[in-house]
Structures are given as structure tokens and as C-alpha cells.
Amino acid sequence: MEKRVKQEYKTSSRAGILDYLKQNRQRTVSAGEIHTHMKAQNRQVNMTTIYRYLEKLEVEGNLMQYTPQSGEKNGCVTYQYVDSKHKCGEHLHLKCVQCGFVEHMDCDFMKEIASHISAEHGFALECKGSVLYGLCKNCRGQGR
């Protein structure tokens, strides 16, 4: 018996959404921003399509979803495209509440943090989706 593989649809809408996410990979974007961008590119895509594709990308591990924290500028769920090289399950993320910039803490300090938490607190750190919120150096420098 032959096993059927589900066919992946590659539409211009999906390609446009993915391109926008990749172009803005250093910050988070909302579904509304994606929709506005697509309209500006004369690509008619409805919000349901955007949300379904965002969900698909998240399940595949290519997208991180951020829930808004009190004090965040836009106050809505935002998304960030991530490359597989980032290994987001192994490090924390620093997110600016003003501009949405996200820094991946994929440095040696993460090993120190994880080691300390394990040794001193008996706790194994699981970083996927872990975010520390604050102001990035650019927003702090602008006196926002």
C-alpha cells in the first residue's frame, strides 16, 4: 500500500507573509502589521489566512509567538521568524516593550545561568518561549 504525502500549498500570499517575517526577523510583528503590509503590496489576503499560516509556521518551529505584557506598546500578540540555528529552546529572549526588538541570548552566559539554576535551585531550565521584557539600548537612548 502506497503512503500518500499531504501536498503543501505554496501560494503568493504565503510567500509574501514569509518574506515579510524574514525581513523583520530582528523584531516582532503583529498579524495586523502583516495584513497592512500585504495590502500595501496589492496582495489581498484575509486575516484568517494570515493566522492559519502563522500557526503552521509556529508548529513547524519557524515562528515564536509573544504574548503581550503590561506596558507593551501595541498590546497584542506578536510573532518573530526564527532560524533553526537559533535553537530557541536553549536560551532566553530579551524583548523590547517599545519597538518589539528581540535579542536571542544564545551566548555562553546562558550556560552559566542554566548551571546555576540547576546546582543552586535544583531546577532544569526550559527556555522555549521564555522572554524577559524591558527596553533595548536604542529605545533607552531615545529617552522613551
N, C-alpha and C. Protein backbone atom coordinates (compact mmCIF):
# COMPACT_ATOMS: atom_id res chain seq x y z
N MET A 1 0.84 -1.17 0.00
CA MET A 1 0.00 0.00 0.00
C MET A 1 0.89 1.24 0.00
N GLU A 2 0.61 2.17 -0.88
CA GLU A 2 1.41 3.38 -1.03
C GLU A 2 0.93 4.45 -0.06
N LYS A 3 1.88 5.06 0.62
CA LYS A 3 1.55 6.11 1.58
C LYS A 3 1.47 7.45 0.86
N ARG A 4 0.38 8.18 1.06
CA ARG A 4 0.20 9.48 0.42
C ARG A 4 0.78 10.57 1.31
N VAL A 5 1.49 11.47 0.69
CA VAL A 5 2.05 12.62 1.39
C VAL A 5 1.15 13.81 1.11
N LYS A 6 0.80 14.51 2.18
CA LYS A 6 -0.06 15.68 2.04
C LYS A 6 0.68 16.75 1.25
N GLN A 7 0.03 17.28 0.22
CA GLN A 7 0.64 18.28 -0.65
C GLN A 7 0.65 19.64 0.04
N GLU A 8 1.79 20.30 0.03
CA GLU A 8 1.96 21.63 0.60
C GLU A 8 1.60 22.68 -0.45
N TYR A 9 0.72 23.60 -0.08
CA TYR A 9 0.35 24.67 -0.98
C TYR A 9 1.34 25.81 -0.84
N LYS A 10 1.88 26.26 -1.96
CA LYS A 10 2.80 27.39 -1.96
C LYS A 10 2.12 28.53 -2.73
N THR A 11 1.44 29.37 -1.99
CA THR A 11 0.72 30.47 -2.61
C THR A 11 1.54 31.75 -2.53
N SER A 12 1.18 32.73 -3.36
CA SER A 12 1.88 34.01 -3.31
C SER A 12 1.60 34.71 -1.98
N SER A 13 0.43 34.47 -1.39
CA SER A 13 0.12 35.06 -0.09
C SER A 13 1.07 34.52 0.98
N ARG A 14 1.24 33.22 1.02
CA ARG A 14 2.16 32.62 1.99
C ARG A 14 3.59 33.11 1.77
N ALA A 15 3.98 33.18 0.50
CA ALA A 15 5.33 33.65 0.19
C ALA A 15 5.51 35.10 0.66
N GLY A 16 4.49 35.93 0.47
CA GLY A 16 4.56 37.32 0.91
C GLY A 16 4.63 37.45 2.42
N ILE A 17 3.86 36.64 3.11
CA ILE A 17 3.88 36.65 4.59
C ILE A 17 5.25 36.21 5.08
N LEU A 18 5.76 35.13 4.54
CA LEU A 18 7.06 34.61 4.96
C LEU A 18 8.18 35.62 4.66
N ASP A 19 8.14 36.25 3.50
CA ASP A 19 9.14 37.27 3.17
C ASP A 19 9.11 38.41 4.17
N TYR A 20 7.91 38.87 4.52
CA TYR A 20 7.78 39.97 5.48
C TYR A 20 8.34 39.56 6.85
N LEU A 21 8.02 38.36 7.28
CA LEU A 21 8.53 37.87 8.57
C LEU A 21 10.06 37.79 8.55
N LYS A 22 10.62 37.30 7.47
CA LYS A 22 12.08 37.18 7.37
C LYS A 22 12.74 38.56 7.32
N GLN A 23 12.13 39.51 6.62
CA GLN A 23 12.69 40.86 6.54
C GLN A 23 12.67 41.56 7.90
N ASN A 24 11.77 41.14 8.77
CA ASN A 24 11.61 41.77 10.09
C ASN A 24 12.01 40.83 11.22
N ARG A 25 12.92 39.92 10.95
CA ARG A 25 13.27 38.88 11.93
C ARG A 25 13.91 39.42 13.20
N GLN A 26 14.38 40.64 13.22
CA GLN A 26 15.00 41.20 14.42
C GLN A 26 13.98 41.78 15.39
N ARG A 27 12.73 41.82 15.00
CA ARG A 27 11.68 42.36 15.86
C ARG A 27 10.44 41.51 15.72
N THR A 28 9.48 41.79 16.56
CA THR A 28 8.22 41.08 16.46
C THR A 28 7.24 41.90 15.63
N VAL A 29 6.31 41.21 14.99
CA VAL A 29 5.27 41.87 14.19
C VAL A 29 3.93 41.25 14.54
N SER A 30 2.89 42.05 14.39
CA SER A 30 1.54 41.55 14.66
C SER A 30 0.90 41.07 13.35
N ALA A 31 -0.16 40.31 13.49
CA ALA A 31 -0.91 39.87 12.31
C ALA A 31 -1.47 41.08 11.56
N GLY A 32 -1.84 42.12 12.31
CA GLY A 32 -2.35 43.34 11.69
C GLY A 32 -1.29 44.03 10.85
N GLU A 33 -0.04 44.05 11.33
CA GLU A 33 1.06 44.63 10.55
C GLU A 33 1.28 43.84 9.26
N ILE A 34 1.19 42.53 9.36
CA ILE A 34 1.36 41.68 8.18
C ILE A 34 0.25 42.00 7.18
N HIS A 35 -0.98 42.12 7.68
CA HIS A 35 -2.12 42.42 6.82
C HIS A 35 -1.94 43.77 6.12
N THR A 36 -1.50 44.78 6.86
CA THR A 36 -1.27 46.10 6.30
C THR A 36 -0.18 46.05 5.22
N HIS A 37 0.88 45.32 5.51
CA HIS A 37 1.97 45.17 4.53
C HIS A 37 1.47 44.50 3.25
N MET A 38 0.71 43.44 3.42
CA MET A 38 0.20 42.72 2.26
C MET A 38 -0.71 43.61 1.40
N LYS A 39 -1.55 44.41 2.06
CA LYS A 39 -2.41 45.34 1.32
C LYS A 39 -1.57 46.36 0.56
N ALA A 40 -0.50 46.86 1.20
CA ALA A 40 0.38 47.83 0.55
C ALA A 40 1.09 47.21 -0.66
N GLN A 41 1.26 45.90 -0.66
CA GLN A 41 1.87 45.19 -1.77
C GLN A 41 0.83 44.73 -2.81
N ASN A 42 -0.40 45.21 -2.64
CA ASN A 42 -1.53 44.84 -3.52
C ASN A 42 -1.79 43.34 -3.53
N ARG A 43 -1.60 42.74 -2.37
CA ARG A 43 -1.92 41.31 -2.20
C ARG A 43 -3.09 41.22 -1.24
N GLN A 44 -4.20 40.77 -1.73
CA GLN A 44 -5.39 40.64 -0.91
C GLN A 44 -5.35 39.31 -0.17
N VAL A 45 -5.21 39.40 1.14
CA VAL A 45 -5.20 38.20 1.96
C VAL A 45 -6.00 38.51 3.23
N ASN A 46 -6.87 37.59 3.62
CA ASN A 46 -7.69 37.87 4.80
C ASN A 46 -6.97 37.45 6.07
N MET A 47 -7.46 37.97 7.18
CA MET A 47 -6.82 37.72 8.48
C MET A 47 -6.82 36.25 8.85
N THR A 48 -7.86 35.52 8.47
CA THR A 48 -7.92 34.09 8.78
C THR A 48 -6.75 33.35 8.13
N THR A 49 -6.47 33.69 6.88
CA THR A 49 -5.35 33.07 6.17
C THR A 49 -4.03 33.39 6.87
N ILE A 50 -3.87 34.63 7.29
CA ILE A 50 -2.65 35.04 7.99
C ILE A 50 -2.49 34.24 9.28
N TYR A 51 -3.55 34.19 10.08
CA TYR A 51 -3.47 33.45 11.36
C TYR A 51 -3.20 31.97 11.14
N ARG A 52 -3.82 31.37 10.15
CA ARG A 52 -3.59 29.94 9.89
C ARG A 52 -2.14 29.68 9.49
N TYR A 53 -1.59 30.56 8.66
CA TYR A 53 -0.21 30.38 8.24
C TYR A 53 0.76 30.63 9.39
N LEU A 54 0.47 31.62 10.22
CA LEU A 54 1.30 31.87 11.40
C LEU A 54 1.30 30.66 12.32
N GLU A 55 0.13 30.07 12.51
CA GLU A 55 0.03 28.87 13.35
C GLU A 55 0.85 27.72 12.77
N LYS A 56 0.77 27.54 11.46
CA LYS A 56 1.53 26.49 10.79
C LYS A 56 3.03 26.70 10.99
N LEU A 57 3.49 27.94 10.80
CA LEU A 57 4.91 28.24 10.97
C LEU A 57 5.37 28.00 12.41
N GLU A 58 4.49 28.32 13.35
CA GLU A 58 4.82 28.11 14.76
C GLU A 58 4.94 26.62 15.07
N VAL A 59 4.01 25.82 14.59
CA VAL A 59 4.04 24.37 14.81
C VAL A 59 5.31 23.78 14.21
N GLU A 60 5.74 24.29 13.07
CA GLU A 60 6.95 23.81 12.40
C GLU A 60 8.23 24.27 13.10
N GLY A 61 8.10 25.19 14.05
CA GLY A 61 9.26 25.68 14.77
C GLY A 61 9.96 26.86 14.12
N ASN A 62 9.30 27.49 13.14
CA ASN A 62 9.89 28.62 12.44
C ASN A 62 9.38 29.97 12.91
N LEU A 63 8.58 29.97 13.95
CA LEU A 63 7.97 31.20 14.42
C LEU A 63 7.80 31.15 15.92
N MET A 64 8.11 32.25 16.57
CA MET A 64 7.86 32.36 18.01
C MET A 64 6.70 33.32 18.21
N GLN A 65 5.82 32.98 19.11
CA GLN A 65 4.68 33.83 19.45
C GLN A 65 4.95 34.47 20.80
N TYR A 66 4.70 35.77 20.89
CA TYR A 66 4.90 36.51 22.13
C TYR A 66 3.56 37.07 22.59
N THR A 67 3.21 36.78 23.83
CA THR A 67 2.00 37.31 24.43
C THR A 67 2.33 38.67 25.04
N PRO A 68 1.48 39.65 24.85
CA PRO A 68 1.79 40.99 25.36
C PRO A 68 1.87 41.03 26.89
N GLN A 69 2.77 41.84 27.39
CA GLN A 69 2.93 42.07 28.81
C GLN A 69 2.42 43.47 29.12
N SER A 70 2.08 43.73 30.35
CA SER A 70 1.61 45.07 30.70
C SER A 70 2.71 46.08 30.40
N GLY A 71 2.33 47.18 29.83
CA GLY A 71 3.28 48.22 29.49
C GLY A 71 3.80 48.12 28.07
N GLU A 72 3.47 47.04 27.35
CA GLU A 72 3.93 46.94 25.97
C GLU A 72 3.17 47.90 25.09
N LYS A 73 3.87 48.43 24.12
CA LYS A 73 3.35 49.48 23.25
C LYS A 73 2.07 49.08 22.51
N ASN A 74 2.10 47.94 21.79
CA ASN A 74 0.94 47.60 20.96
C ASN A 74 -0.08 46.72 21.66
N GLY A 75 0.29 46.03 22.71
CA GLY A 75 -0.65 45.25 23.50
C GLY A 75 -1.34 44.10 22.79
N CYS A 76 -0.75 43.56 21.71
CA CYS A 76 -1.36 42.42 21.03
C CYS A 76 -0.31 41.32 20.86
N VAL A 77 -0.76 40.13 20.53
CA VAL A 77 0.14 39.02 20.29
C VAL A 77 1.00 39.38 19.08
N THR A 78 2.30 39.09 19.20
CA THR A 78 3.22 39.36 18.10
C THR A 78 4.01 38.10 17.78
N TYR A 79 4.67 38.13 16.63
CA TYR A 79 5.37 36.95 16.13
C TYR A 79 6.75 37.34 15.63
N GLN A 80 7.67 36.38 15.70
CA GLN A 80 9.01 36.58 15.18
C GLN A 80 9.45 35.34 14.43
N TYR A 81 9.96 35.55 13.23
CA TYR A 81 10.54 34.45 12.47
C TYR A 81 11.87 34.07 13.11
N VAL A 82 12.12 32.79 13.27
CA VAL A 82 13.38 32.32 13.83
C VAL A 82 13.99 31.25 12.91
N ASP A 83 15.29 31.35 12.75
CA ASP A 83 16.02 30.32 12.00
C ASP A 83 16.25 29.14 12.92
N SER A 84 16.39 27.97 12.34
CA SER A 84 16.64 26.78 13.15
C SER A 84 17.96 26.88 13.90
N LYS A 85 18.91 27.70 13.41
CA LYS A 85 20.22 27.83 14.07
C LYS A 85 20.11 28.49 15.44
N HIS A 86 19.02 29.20 15.69
CA HIS A 86 18.88 29.91 16.96
C HIS A 86 18.63 28.98 18.14
N LYS A 87 18.10 27.81 17.91
CA LYS A 87 17.83 26.84 18.98
C LYS A 87 17.15 27.53 20.17
N CYS A 88 15.98 28.07 19.91
CA CYS A 88 15.27 28.89 20.90
C CYS A 88 14.89 28.14 22.17
N GLY A 89 14.94 26.83 22.14
CA GLY A 89 14.66 26.07 23.34
C GLY A 89 15.81 26.04 24.32
N GLU A 90 16.94 26.60 23.91
CA GLU A 90 18.15 26.55 24.73
C GLU A 90 18.57 27.90 25.31
N HIS A 91 17.82 28.96 25.02
CA HIS A 91 18.20 30.26 25.55
C HIS A 91 16.99 31.14 25.81
N LEU A 92 17.21 32.17 26.60
CA LEU A 92 16.17 33.15 26.89
C LEU A 92 16.13 34.20 25.78
N HIS A 93 15.06 34.99 25.80
CA HIS A 93 14.89 36.06 24.82
C HIS A 93 14.65 37.37 25.56
N LEU A 94 15.22 38.43 25.04
CA LEU A 94 15.03 39.77 25.60
C LEU A 94 14.17 40.54 24.60
N LYS A 95 13.01 41.02 25.04
CA LYS A 95 12.09 41.71 24.12
C LYS A 95 11.85 43.14 24.59
N CYS A 96 12.04 44.09 23.67
CA CYS A 96 11.79 45.50 23.96
C CYS A 96 10.29 45.77 23.91
N VAL A 97 9.77 46.37 24.97
CA VAL A 97 8.34 46.66 25.05
C VAL A 97 7.95 47.89 24.23
N GLN A 98 8.94 48.64 23.73
CA GLN A 98 8.65 49.81 22.91
C GLN A 98 8.63 49.48 21.42
N CYS A 99 9.73 48.91 20.93
CA CYS A 99 9.87 48.72 19.48
C CYS A 99 9.69 47.27 19.02
N GLY A 100 9.65 46.32 19.96
CA GLY A 100 9.46 44.91 19.61
C GLY A 100 10.73 44.17 19.25
N PHE A 101 11.89 44.83 19.34
CA PHE A 101 13.17 44.18 19.05
C PHE A 101 13.35 42.98 19.98
N VAL A 102 13.86 41.87 19.43
CA VAL A 102 14.10 40.67 20.23
C VAL A 102 15.57 40.27 20.10
N GLU A 103 16.20 40.08 21.23
CA GLU A 103 17.58 39.60 21.29
C GLU A 103 17.56 38.16 21.78
N HIS A 104 18.21 37.28 21.05
CA HIS A 104 18.32 35.89 21.46
C HIS A 104 19.58 35.77 22.30
N MET A 105 19.44 35.34 23.54
CA MET A 105 20.60 35.21 24.44
C MET A 105 21.31 33.88 24.19
N ASP A 106 21.76 33.69 22.96
CA ASP A 106 22.47 32.44 22.64
C ASP A 106 23.96 32.64 22.82
N CYS A 107 24.33 32.95 24.07
CA CYS A 107 25.73 33.21 24.42
C CYS A 107 26.14 32.28 25.57
N ASP A 108 27.41 32.32 25.91
CA ASP A 108 27.93 31.46 26.97
C ASP A 108 27.29 31.73 28.33
N PHE A 109 26.81 32.94 28.54
CA PHE A 109 26.19 33.29 29.81
C PHE A 109 24.96 32.41 30.09
N MET A 110 24.28 31.98 29.03
CA MET A 110 23.11 31.10 29.21
C MET A 110 23.53 29.80 29.89
N LYS A 111 24.70 29.28 29.55
CA LYS A 111 25.19 28.05 30.18
C LYS A 111 25.41 28.29 31.68
N GLU A 112 25.94 29.46 32.02
CA GLU A 112 26.16 29.81 33.43
C GLU A 112 24.83 29.91 34.18
N ILE A 113 23.86 30.55 33.55
CA ILE A 113 22.53 30.70 34.18
C ILE A 113 21.91 29.32 34.41
N ALA A 114 21.89 28.49 33.36
CA ALA A 114 21.30 27.16 33.47
C ALA A 114 22.02 26.32 34.52
N SER A 115 23.33 26.42 34.55
CA SER A 115 24.13 25.66 35.52
C SER A 115 23.82 26.12 36.94
N HIS A 116 23.77 27.43 37.16
CA HIS A 116 23.46 27.97 38.49
C HIS A 116 22.06 27.53 38.95
N ILE A 117 21.09 27.67 38.07
CA ILE A 117 19.71 27.31 38.43
C ILE A 117 19.62 25.83 38.77
N SER A 118 20.33 25.00 38.03
CA SER A 118 20.32 23.56 38.30
C SER A 118 21.02 23.24 39.62
N ALA A 119 22.22 23.79 39.82
CA ALA A 119 23.01 23.48 41.01
C ALA A 119 22.43 24.07 42.28
N GLU A 120 22.00 25.31 42.23
CA GLU A 120 21.56 26.02 43.43
C GLU A 120 20.07 25.87 43.73
N HIS A 121 19.30 25.59 42.71
CA HIS A 121 17.84 25.56 42.90
C HIS A 121 17.21 24.23 42.50
N GLY A 122 18.02 23.32 41.95
CA GLY A 122 17.51 22.01 41.57
C GLY A 122 16.46 22.07 40.47
N PHE A 123 16.60 23.03 39.59
CA PHE A 123 15.58 23.28 38.58
C PHE A 123 16.21 23.22 37.20
N ALA A 124 15.61 22.42 36.30
CA ALA A 124 16.09 22.32 34.92
C ALA A 124 15.37 23.36 34.07
N LEU A 125 16.12 24.26 33.51
CA LEU A 125 15.57 25.36 32.73
C LEU A 125 15.09 24.90 31.36
N GLU A 126 13.86 25.24 31.01
CA GLU A 126 13.31 25.02 29.66
C GLU A 126 13.02 26.40 29.09
N CYS A 127 13.80 26.79 28.10
CA CYS A 127 13.78 28.18 27.63
C CYS A 127 12.80 28.48 26.50
N LYS A 128 12.29 27.49 25.83
CA LYS A 128 11.41 27.78 24.68
C LYS A 128 10.26 28.69 25.12
N GLY A 129 10.19 29.83 24.50
CA GLY A 129 9.13 30.77 24.83
C GLY A 129 9.42 31.64 26.04
N SER A 130 10.61 31.50 26.63
CA SER A 130 10.94 32.31 27.81
C SER A 130 11.45 33.69 27.38
N VAL A 131 10.81 34.71 27.93
CA VAL A 131 11.10 36.07 27.50
C VAL A 131 11.27 36.98 28.72
N LEU A 132 12.29 37.83 28.67
CA LEU A 132 12.47 38.89 29.65
C LEU A 132 12.14 40.19 28.93
N TYR A 133 11.29 41.00 29.53
CA TYR A 133 10.83 42.23 28.90
C TYR A 133 11.54 43.44 29.47
N GLY A 134 11.80 44.42 28.63
CA GLY A 134 12.45 45.65 29.05
C GLY A 134 12.58 46.60 27.88
N LEU A 135 13.57 47.49 27.95
CA LEU A 135 13.84 48.45 26.89
C LEU A 135 15.19 48.16 26.26
N CYS A 136 15.25 48.12 24.93
CA CYS A 136 16.51 47.90 24.24
C CYS A 136 17.37 49.16 24.34
N LYS A 137 18.64 49.04 23.98
CA LYS A 137 19.54 50.19 24.11
C LYS A 137 19.12 51.36 23.22
N ASN A 138 18.51 51.09 22.06
CA ASN A 138 18.07 52.19 21.19
C ASN A 138 16.92 52.96 21.82
N CYS A 139 15.94 52.25 22.37
CA CYS A 139 14.80 52.93 22.99
C CYS A 139 15.21 53.63 24.28
N ARG A 140 16.09 53.05 25.04
CA ARG A 140 16.60 53.72 26.25
C ARG A 140 17.35 54.97 25.89
N GLY A 141 18.12 54.93 24.79
CA GLY A 141 18.90 56.07 24.35
C GLY A 141 18.05 57.21 23.84
N GLN A 142 16.83 56.90 23.41
CA GLN A 142 15.93 57.93 22.89
C GLN A 142 15.07 58.53 24.00
N GLY A 143 15.26 58.07 25.21
CA GLY A 143 14.51 58.62 26.35
C GLY A 143 13.03 58.33 26.32
N ARG A 144 12.67 57.21 25.71
CA ARG A 144 11.25 56.84 25.63
C ARG A 144 10.73 56.38 26.96
